[in-house]
Structures are given as structure tokens and as C-alpha cells.
């Protein structure tokens, strides 16, 4: 995202529990060929492959918290708060 000094930015997020459950719904609905396509497309760009998921919520939570948690993303805005970010 481009950052412009003359602008103010506000970070707005959903509750982390809600994002985890949405991720579970998305993962449960993903067809194997879609996961294969995503992995083939993202690996050359340095993204880790998305592993298969068998419905184990503990496993999904670990993967979500390490790789795609909105809470982790929100925390990345913290260092910018002194530069006009809210």
C-alpha cells in the first residue's frame, strides 16, 4: 500500500475469532485443485505452500496464527503510529 505523508490512515479489523472461523469456512470449501493452483502460483513468489486440511481446528489455528492472523497484521501497524497512523 502506498503511504502518503499528507494522509491519515485508520486500521480497522474484525475480531480475530471471527477471522479464524471465516478462514475455517474458506479452507473447508477449497477444492484440492484450487489449493494446487494457489500453491503453484505463490511458491515462485516465496509464499509457503498451503498444506491440506482435514478439519482439525487445532491444526488450523496454529497455521492461521503463524501465517495469516489479522492480529499479526494489525500489530505491524504499531510502529507507524508516530507517523500519522491511527
PDB file of N, CA and C in Angstrom:
ATOM      1  N   UNK A   1       0.847  -1.169   0.000  1.00  0.00           N
ATOM      2  CA  UNK A   1       0.000   0.000   0.000  1.00  0.00           C
ATOM      3  C   UNK A   1       0.889   1.227   0.000  1.00  0.00           C
ATOM      4  N   UNK A   2       0.649   2.152  -0.917  1.00  0.00           N
ATOM      5  CA  UNK A   2       1.447   3.383  -0.901  1.00  0.00           C
ATOM      6  C   UNK A   2       1.101   4.218   0.331  1.00  0.00           C
ATOM      7  N   UNK A   3       2.097   4.848   0.887  1.00  0.00           N
ATOM      8  CA  UNK A   3       1.920   5.695   2.062  1.00  0.00           C
ATOM      9  C   UNK A   3       2.174   7.138   1.646  1.00  0.00           C
ATOM     10  N   UNK A   4       1.205   8.012   1.922  1.00  0.00           N
ATOM     11  CA  UNK A   4       1.323   9.421   1.589  1.00  0.00           C
ATOM     12  C   UNK A   4       1.348  10.234   2.877  1.00  0.00           C
ATOM     13  N   UNK A   5       2.349  11.088   3.034  1.00  0.00           N
ATOM     14  CA  UNK A   5       2.506  11.866   4.262  1.00  0.00           C
ATOM     15  C   UNK A   5       1.311  12.775   4.533  1.00  0.00           C
ATOM     16  N   UNK A   6       0.645  13.249   3.485  1.00  0.00           N
ATOM     17  CA  UNK A   6      -0.465  14.187   3.666  1.00  0.00           C
ATOM     18  C   UNK A   6      -1.773  13.484   4.061  1.00  0.00           C
ATOM     19  N   UNK A   7      -1.750  12.178   4.167  1.00  0.00           N
ATOM     20  CA  UNK A   7      -2.949  11.419   4.501  1.00  0.00           C
ATOM     21  C   UNK A   7      -2.880  10.844   5.906  1.00  0.00           C
ATOM     22  N   UNK A   8      -4.040  10.607   6.472  1.00  0.00           N
ATOM     23  CA  UNK A   8      -4.163   9.868   7.735  1.00  0.00           C
ATOM     24  C   UNK A   8      -4.689   8.483   7.397  1.00  0.00           C
ATOM     25  N   UNK A   9      -4.243   7.476   8.132  1.00  0.00           N
ATOM     26  CA  UNK A   9      -4.656   6.106   7.891  1.00  0.00           C
ATOM     27  C   UNK A   9      -5.267   5.537   9.159  1.00  0.00           C
ATOM     28  N   UNK A  10      -6.348   4.812   9.008  1.00  0.00           N
ATOM     29  CA  UNK A  10      -7.012   4.175  10.134  1.00  0.00           C
ATOM     30  C   UNK A  10      -7.070   2.676   9.841  1.00  0.00           C
ATOM     31  N   UNK A  11      -6.578   1.880  10.776  1.00  0.00           N
ATOM     32  CA  UNK A  11      -6.625   0.429  10.627  1.00  0.00           C
ATOM     33  C   UNK A  11      -7.870  -0.087  11.345  1.00  0.00           C
ATOM     34  N   UNK A  12      -8.724  -0.787  10.607  1.00  0.00           N
ATOM     35  CA  UNK A  12      -9.960  -1.336  11.154  1.00  0.00           C
ATOM     36  C   UNK A  12      -9.947  -2.840  10.916  1.00  0.00           C
ATOM     37  N   UNK A  13     -10.214  -3.605  11.953  1.00  0.00           N
ATOM     38  CA  UNK A  13     -10.138  -5.058  11.846  1.00  0.00           C
ATOM     39  C   UNK A  13     -11.339  -5.727  12.476  1.00  0.00           C
ATOM     40  N   UNK A  14     -11.613  -6.935  11.991  1.00  0.00           N
ATOM     41  CA  UNK A  14     -12.633  -7.801  12.604  1.00  0.00           C
ATOM     42  C   UNK A  14     -12.017  -8.489  13.811  1.00  0.00           C
ATOM     43  N   UNK A  15     -12.868  -8.970  14.677  1.00  0.00           N
ATOM     44  CA  UNK A  15     -12.435  -9.767  15.819  1.00  0.00           C
ATOM     45  C   UNK A  15     -11.668 -10.987  15.301  1.00  0.00           C
ATOM     46  N   UNK A  16     -10.517 -11.279  15.904  1.00  0.00           N
ATOM     47  CA  UNK A  16      -9.681 -12.388  15.466  1.00  0.00           C
ATOM     48  C   UNK A  16     -10.388 -13.729  15.469  1.00  0.00           C
ATOM     49  N   UNK A  17     -11.298 -13.927  16.422  1.00  0.00           N
ATOM     50  CA  UNK A  17     -12.040 -15.200  16.456  1.00  0.00           C
ATOM     51  C   UNK A  17     -12.916 -15.341  15.222  1.00  0.00           C
ATOM     52  N   UNK A  18     -13.495 -14.224  14.803  1.00  0.00           N
ATOM     53  CA  UNK A  18     -14.341 -14.230  13.617  1.00  0.00           C
ATOM     54  C   UNK A  18     -13.515 -14.521  12.365  1.00  0.00           C
ATOM     55  N   UNK A  19     -12.316 -13.931  12.277  1.00  0.00           N
ATOM     56  CA  UNK A  19     -11.489 -14.182  11.095  1.00  0.00           C
ATOM     57  C   UNK A  19     -11.025 -15.633  11.049  1.00  0.00           C
ATOM     58  N   UNK A  20     -10.741 -16.221  12.214  1.00  0.00           N
ATOM     59  CA  UNK A  20     -10.353 -17.633  12.243  1.00  0.00           C
ATOM     60  C   UNK A  20     -11.490 -18.512  11.735  1.00  0.00           C
ATOM     61  N   UNK A  21     -12.703 -18.252  12.169  1.00  0.00           N
ATOM     62  CA  UNK A  21     -13.830 -19.070  11.721  1.00  0.00           C
ATOM     63  C   UNK A  21     -14.106 -18.866  10.232  1.00  0.00           C
ATOM     64  N   UNK A  22     -13.921 -17.657   9.746  1.00  0.00           N
ATOM     65  CA  UNK A  22     -14.057 -17.433   8.300  1.00  0.00           C
ATOM     66  C   UNK A  22     -13.006 -18.223   7.540  1.00  0.00           C
ATOM     67  N   UNK A  23     -11.773 -18.229   8.068  1.00  0.00           N
ATOM     68  CA  UNK A  23     -10.704 -18.991   7.427  1.00  0.00           C
ATOM     69  C   UNK A  23     -11.048 -20.482   7.416  1.00  0.00           C
ATOM     70  N   UNK A  24     -11.611 -20.980   8.514  1.00  0.00           N
ATOM     71  CA  UNK A  24     -12.029 -22.392   8.572  1.00  0.00           C
ATOM     72  C   UNK A  24     -13.084 -22.674   7.500  1.00  0.00           C
ATOM     73  N   UNK A  25     -14.046 -21.772   7.323  1.00  0.00           N
ATOM     74  CA  UNK A  25     -15.074 -21.957   6.293  1.00  0.00           C
ATOM     75  C   UNK A  25     -14.462 -21.950   4.896  1.00  0.00           C
ATOM     76  N   UNK A  26     -13.525 -21.027   4.658  1.00  0.00           N
ATOM     77  CA  UNK A  26     -12.857 -20.977   3.352  1.00  0.00           C
ATOM     78  C   UNK A  26     -12.062 -22.248   3.094  1.00  0.00           C
ATOM     79  N   UNK A  27     -11.282 -22.656   4.103  1.00  0.00           N
ATOM     80  CA  UNK A  27     -10.455 -23.857   3.929  1.00  0.00           C
ATOM     81  C   UNK A  27     -11.309 -25.096   3.698  1.00  0.00           C
ATOM     82  N   UNK A  28     -12.401 -25.204   4.416  1.00  0.00           N
ATOM     83  CA  UNK A  28     -13.281 -26.357   4.257  1.00  0.00           C
ATOM     84  C   UNK A  28     -13.922 -26.430   2.890  1.00  0.00           C
ATOM     85  N   UNK A  29     -14.098 -25.287   2.241  1.00  0.00           N
ATOM     86  CA  UNK A  29     -14.756 -25.245   0.933  1.00  0.00           C
ATOM     87  C   UNK A  29     -13.773 -25.293  -0.234  1.00  0.00           C
ATOM     88  N   UNK A  30     -12.470 -25.193   0.040  1.00  0.00           N
ATOM     89  CA  UNK A  30     -11.488 -25.176  -1.047  1.00  0.00           C
ATOM     90  C   UNK A  30     -11.330 -26.560  -1.668  1.00  0.00           C
ATOM     91  N   UNK A  31     -11.466 -26.591  -2.984  1.00  0.00           N
ATOM     92  CA  UNK A  31     -11.252 -27.833  -3.713  1.00  0.00           C
ATOM     93  C   UNK A  31      -9.748 -28.078  -3.848  1.00  0.00           C
ATOM     94  N   UNK A  32      -9.330 -29.341  -3.859  1.00  0.00           N
ATOM     95  CA  UNK A  32      -7.894 -29.646  -3.960  1.00  0.00           C
ATOM     96  C   UNK A  32      -7.210 -28.989  -5.159  1.00  0.00           C
ATOM     97  N   UNK A  33      -7.898 -28.906  -6.292  1.00  0.00           N
ATOM     98  CA  UNK A  33      -7.273 -28.295  -7.471  1.00  0.00           C
ATOM     99  C   UNK A  33      -7.052 -26.795  -7.286  1.00  0.00           C
ATOM    100  N   UNK A  34      -7.889 -26.147  -6.493  1.00  0.00           N
ATOM    101  CA  UNK A  34      -7.696 -24.723  -6.200  1.00  0.00           C
ATOM    102  C   UNK A  34      -6.461 -24.541  -5.323  1.00  0.00           C
ATOM    103  N   UNK A  35      -6.314 -25.400  -4.325  1.00  0.00           N
ATOM    104  CA  UNK A  35      -5.136 -25.331  -3.453  1.00  0.00           C
ATOM    105  C   UNK A  35      -3.872 -25.594  -4.274  1.00  0.00           C
ATOM    106  N   UNK A  36      -3.909 -26.577  -5.165  1.00  0.00           N
ATOM    107  CA  UNK A  36      -2.756 -26.860  -6.029  1.00  0.00           C
ATOM    108  C   UNK A  36      -2.400 -25.642  -6.876  1.00  0.00           C
ATOM    109  N   UNK A  37      -3.416 -24.992  -7.454  1.00  0.00           N
ATOM    110  CA  UNK A  37      -3.186 -23.805  -8.280  1.00  0.00           C
ATOM    111  C   UNK A  37      -2.581 -22.677  -7.442  1.00  0.00           C
ATOM    112  N   UNK A  38      -3.147 -22.437  -6.250  1.00  0.00           N
ATOM    113  CA  UNK A  38      -2.620 -21.372  -5.379  1.00  0.00           C
ATOM    114  C   UNK A  38      -1.177 -21.662  -4.992  1.00  0.00           C
ATOM    115  N   UNK A  39      -0.889 -22.902  -4.640  1.00  0.00           N
ATOM    116  CA  UNK A  39       0.474 -23.255  -4.255  1.00  0.00           C
ATOM    117  C   UNK A  39       1.447 -23.073  -5.424  1.00  0.00           C
ATOM    118  N   UNK A  40       1.035 -23.503  -6.609  1.00  0.00           N
ATOM    119  CA  UNK A  40       1.897 -23.352  -7.781  1.00  0.00           C
ATOM    120  C   UNK A  40       2.118 -21.889  -8.130  1.00  0.00           C
ATOM    121  N   UNK A  41       1.110 -21.054  -7.893  1.00  0.00           N
ATOM    122  CA  UNK A  41       1.218 -19.626  -8.214  1.00  0.00           C
ATOM    123  C   UNK A  41       2.035 -18.870  -7.175  1.00  0.00           C
ATOM    124  N   UNK A  42       1.915 -19.234  -5.904  1.00  0.00           N
ATOM    125  CA  UNK A  42       2.561 -18.477  -4.843  1.00  0.00           C
ATOM    126  C   UNK A  42       3.974 -18.893  -4.514  1.00  0.00           C
ATOM    127  N   UNK A  43       4.311 -20.147  -4.749  1.00  0.00           N
ATOM    128  CA  UNK A  43       5.640 -20.648  -4.391  1.00  0.00           C
ATOM    129  C   UNK A  43       6.761 -19.881  -5.090  1.00  0.00           C
ATOM    130  N   UNK A  44       6.649 -19.569  -6.396  1.00  0.00           N
ATOM    131  CA  UNK A  44       7.727 -18.802  -7.041  1.00  0.00           C
ATOM    132  C   UNK A  44       7.927 -17.410  -6.419  1.00  0.00           C
ATOM    133  N   UNK A  45       6.892 -16.882  -5.779  1.00  0.00           N
ATOM    134  CA  UNK A  45       6.999 -15.572  -5.127  1.00  0.00           C
ATOM    135  C   UNK A  45       7.458 -15.679  -3.680  1.00  0.00           C
ATOM    136  N   UNK A  46       7.815 -16.881  -3.244  1.00  0.00           N
ATOM    137  CA  UNK A  46       8.320 -17.061  -1.887  1.00  0.00           C
ATOM    138  C   UNK A  46       7.272 -17.392  -0.846  1.00  0.00           C
ATOM    139  N   UNK A  47       6.026 -17.599  -1.260  1.00  0.00           N
ATOM    140  CA  UNK A  47       4.988 -17.958  -0.300  1.00  0.00           C
ATOM    141  C   UNK A  47       5.075 -19.442   0.019  1.00  0.00           C
ATOM    142  N   UNK A  48       4.843 -19.766   1.283  1.00  0.00           N
ATOM    143  CA  UNK A  48       4.832 -21.180   1.662  1.00  0.00           C
ATOM    144  C   UNK A  48       3.581 -21.848   1.113  1.00  0.00           C
ATOM    145  N   UNK A  49       3.705 -23.104   0.705  1.00  0.00           N
ATOM    146  CA  UNK A  49       2.524 -23.816   0.198  1.00  0.00           C
ATOM    147  C   UNK A  49       1.464 -23.965   1.287  1.00  0.00           C
ATOM    148  N   UNK A  50       0.234 -23.895   0.887  1.00  0.00           N
ATOM    149  CA  UNK A  50      -0.891 -24.110   1.790  1.00  0.00           C
ATOM    150  C   UNK A  50      -1.065 -25.614   1.955  1.00  0.00           C
ATOM    151  N   UNK A  51      -0.891 -26.127   3.169  1.00  0.00           N
ATOM    152  CA  UNK A  51      -0.992 -27.574   3.351  1.00  0.00           C
ATOM    153  C   UNK A  51      -2.439 -28.043   3.280  1.00  0.00           C
ATOM    154  N   UNK A  52      -2.639 -29.323   3.006  1.00  0.00           N
ATOM    155  CA  UNK A  52      -4.010 -29.853   3.041  1.00  0.00           C
ATOM    156  C   UNK A  52      -4.572 -29.713   4.452  1.00  0.00           C
ATOM    157  N   UNK A  53      -5.883 -29.654   4.566  1.00  0.00           N
ATOM    158  CA  UNK A  53      -6.525 -29.512   5.874  1.00  0.00           C
ATOM    159  C   UNK A  53      -7.612 -30.555   6.011  1.00  0.00           C
ATOM    160  N   UNK A  54      -7.575 -31.283   7.122  1.00  0.00           N
ATOM    161  CA  UNK A  54      -8.533 -32.374   7.339  1.00  0.00           C
ATOM    162  C   UNK A  54      -9.662 -32.004   8.302  1.00  0.00           C
ATOM    163  N   UNK A  55      -9.777 -30.722   8.647  1.00  0.00           N
ATOM    164  CA  UNK A  55     -10.842 -30.289   9.545  1.00  0.00           C
ATOM    165  C   UNK A  55     -10.402 -30.117  10.989  1.00  0.00           C
ATOM    166  N   UNK A  56      -9.150 -30.408  11.299  1.00  0.00           N
ATOM    167  CA  UNK A  56      -8.624 -30.272  12.662  1.00  0.00           C
ATOM    168  C   UNK A  56      -8.456 -28.789  12.992  1.00  0.00           C
ATOM    169  N   UNK A  57      -9.308 -28.270  13.888  1.00  0.00           N
ATOM    170  CA  UNK A  57      -9.277 -26.844  14.225  1.00  0.00           C
ATOM    171  C   UNK A  57      -8.004 -26.445  14.965  1.00  0.00           C
ATOM    172  N   UNK A  58      -7.436 -27.332  15.775  1.00  0.00           N
ATOM    173  CA  UNK A  58      -6.179 -27.005  16.456  1.00  0.00           C
ATOM    174  C   UNK A  58      -5.066 -26.782  15.435  1.00  0.00           C
ATOM    175  N   UNK A  59      -5.010 -27.657  14.459  1.00  0.00           N
ATOM    176  CA  UNK A  59      -4.015 -27.531  13.393  1.00  0.00           C
ATOM    177  C   UNK A  59      -4.236 -26.240  12.596  1.00  0.00           C
ATOM    178  N   UNK A  60      -5.487 -25.962  12.277  1.00  0.00           N
ATOM    179  CA  UNK A  60      -5.797 -24.752  11.520  1.00  0.00           C
ATOM    180  C   UNK A  60      -5.459 -23.505  12.326  1.00  0.00           C
ATOM    181  N   UNK A  61      -5.735 -23.520  13.627  1.00  0.00           N
ATOM    182  CA  UNK A  61      -5.403 -22.370  14.468  1.00  0.00           C
ATOM    183  C   UNK A  61      -3.900 -22.110  14.448  1.00  0.00           C
ATOM    184  N   UNK A  62      -3.107 -23.156  14.572  1.00  0.00           N
ATOM    185  CA  UNK A  62      -1.651 -22.984  14.545  1.00  0.00           C
ATOM    186  C   UNK A  62      -1.201 -22.379  13.222  1.00  0.00           C
ATOM    187  N   UNK A  63      -1.727 -22.899  12.127  1.00  0.00           N
ATOM    188  CA  UNK A  63      -1.361 -22.384  10.808  1.00  0.00           C
ATOM    189  C   UNK A  63      -1.824 -20.939  10.650  1.00  0.00           C
ATOM    190  N   UNK A  64      -3.033 -20.649  11.073  1.00  0.00           N
ATOM    191  CA  UNK A  64      -3.587 -19.288  10.973  1.00  0.00           C
ATOM    192  C   UNK A  64      -2.778 -18.306  11.809  1.00  0.00           C
ATOM    193  N   UNK A  65      -2.463 -18.685  13.048  1.00  0.00           N
ATOM    194  CA  UNK A  65      -1.755 -17.753  13.924  1.00  0.00           C
ATOM    195  C   UNK A  65      -0.328 -17.515  13.455  1.00  0.00           C
ATOM    196  N   UNK A  66       0.287 -18.502  12.790  1.00  0.00           N
ATOM    197  CA  UNK A  66       1.653 -18.330  12.302  1.00  0.00           C
ATOM    198  C   UNK A  66       1.721 -17.626  10.955  1.00  0.00           C
ATOM    199  N   UNK A  67       0.738 -17.839  10.108  1.00  0.00           N
ATOM    200  CA  UNK A  67       0.847 -17.389   8.725  1.00  0.00           C
ATOM    201  C   UNK A  67      -0.097 -16.272   8.301  1.00  0.00           C
ATOM    202  N   UNK A  68      -1.291 -16.207   8.866  1.00  0.00           N
ATOM    203  CA  UNK A  68      -2.255 -15.264   8.275  1.00  0.00           C
ATOM    204  C   UNK A  68      -3.177 -14.594   9.283  1.00  0.00           C
ATOM    205  N   UNK A  69      -2.770 -14.526  10.499  1.00  0.00           N
ATOM    206  CA  UNK A  69      -3.621 -13.913  11.511  1.00  0.00           C
ATOM    207  C   UNK A  69      -3.775 -12.414  11.271  1.00  0.00           C
ATOM    208  N   UNK A  70      -5.002 -11.936  11.309  1.00  0.00           N
ATOM    209  CA  UNK A  70      -5.219 -10.491  11.186  1.00  0.00           C
ATOM    210  C   UNK A  70      -4.621  -9.757  12.378  1.00  0.00           C
ATOM    211  N   UNK A  71      -4.486 -10.438  13.497  1.00  0.00           N
ATOM    212  CA  UNK A  71      -3.892  -9.817  14.683  1.00  0.00           C
ATOM    213  C   UNK A  71      -2.423  -9.504  14.422  1.00  0.00           C
ATOM    214  N   UNK A  72      -1.718 -10.417  13.774  1.00  0.00           N
ATOM    215  CA  UNK A  72      -0.315 -10.179  13.424  1.00  0.00           C
ATOM    216  C   UNK A  72      -0.209  -9.006  12.458  1.00  0.00           C
ATOM    217  N   UNK A  73      -1.108  -8.968  11.478  1.00  0.00           N
ATOM    218  CA  UNK A  73      -1.096  -7.869  10.517  1.00  0.00           C
ATOM    219  C   UNK A  73      -1.387  -6.538  11.208  1.00  0.00           C
ATOM    220  N   UNK A  74      -2.364  -6.521  12.092  1.00  0.00           N
ATOM    221  CA  UNK A  74      -2.690  -5.296  12.827  1.00  0.00           C
ATOM    222  C   UNK A  74      -1.482  -4.820  13.632  1.00  0.00           C
ATOM    223  N   UNK A  75      -0.776  -5.729  14.269  1.00  0.00           N
ATOM    224  CA  UNK A  75       0.399  -5.353  15.064  1.00  0.00           C
ATOM    225  C   UNK A  75       1.477  -4.701  14.206  1.00  0.00           C
ATOM    226  N   UNK A  76       1.513  -5.028  12.920  1.00  0.00           N
ATOM    227  CA  UNK A  76       2.533  -4.441  12.044  1.00  0.00           C
ATOM    228  C   UNK A  76       2.321  -2.942  11.845  1.00  0.00           C
ATOM    229  N   UNK A  77       1.124  -2.451  12.132  1.00  0.00           N
ATOM    230  CA  UNK A  77       0.864  -1.018  12.003  1.00  0.00           C
ATOM    231  C   UNK A  77       1.362  -0.245  13.226  1.00  0.00           C
ATOM    232  N   UNK A  78       1.607  -0.931  14.336  1.00  0.00           N
ATOM    233  CA  UNK A  78       2.055  -0.264  15.561  1.00  0.00           C
ATOM    234  C   UNK A  78       3.254   0.652  15.380  1.00  0.00           C
ATOM    235  N   UNK A  79       4.317   0.201  14.732  1.00  0.00           N
ATOM    236  CA  UNK A  79       5.488   1.062  14.566  1.00  0.00           C
ATOM    237  C   UNK A  79       5.217   2.328  13.747  1.00  0.00           C
ATOM    238  N   UNK A  80       4.140   2.346  12.979  1.00  0.00           N
ATOM    239  CA  UNK A  80       3.818   3.507  12.145  1.00  0.00           C
ATOM    240  C   UNK A  80       2.962   4.542  12.867  1.00  0.00           C
ATOM    241  N   UNK A  81       2.534   4.248  14.093  1.00  0.00           N
ATOM    242  CA  UNK A  81       1.576   5.129  14.769  1.00  0.00           C
ATOM    243  C   UNK A  81       2.144   6.537  14.997  1.00  0.00           C
ATOM    244  N   UNK A  82       3.464   6.686  15.062  1.00  0.00           N
ATOM    245  CA  UNK A  82       4.070   8.013  15.263  1.00  0.00           C
ATOM    246  C   UNK A  82       4.218   8.786  13.960  1.00  0.00           C
ATOM    247  N   UNK A  83       3.820   8.152  12.870  1.00  0.00           N
ATOM    248  CA  UNK A  83       3.920   8.805  11.564  1.00  0.00           C
ATOM    249  C   UNK A  83       2.542   9.191  11.024  1.00  0.00           C
ATOM    250  N   UNK A  84       1.592   9.422  11.908  1.00  0.00           N
ATOM    251  CA  UNK A  84       0.266   9.863  11.490  1.00  0.00           C
ATOM    252  C   UNK A  84      -0.727   8.761  11.263  1.00  0.00           C
ATOM    253  N   UNK A  85      -0.411   7.541  11.693  1.00  0.00           N
ATOM    254  CA  UNK A  85      -1.331   6.436  11.537  1.00  0.00           C
ATOM    255  C   UNK A  85      -2.120   6.264  12.828  1.00  0.00           C
ATOM    256  N   UNK A  86      -3.368   5.906  12.689  1.00  0.00           N
ATOM    257  CA  UNK A  86      -4.204   5.706  13.873  1.00  0.00           C
ATOM    258  C   UNK A  86      -4.698   4.283  13.911  1.00  0.00           C
TER     259      UNK A  86
END
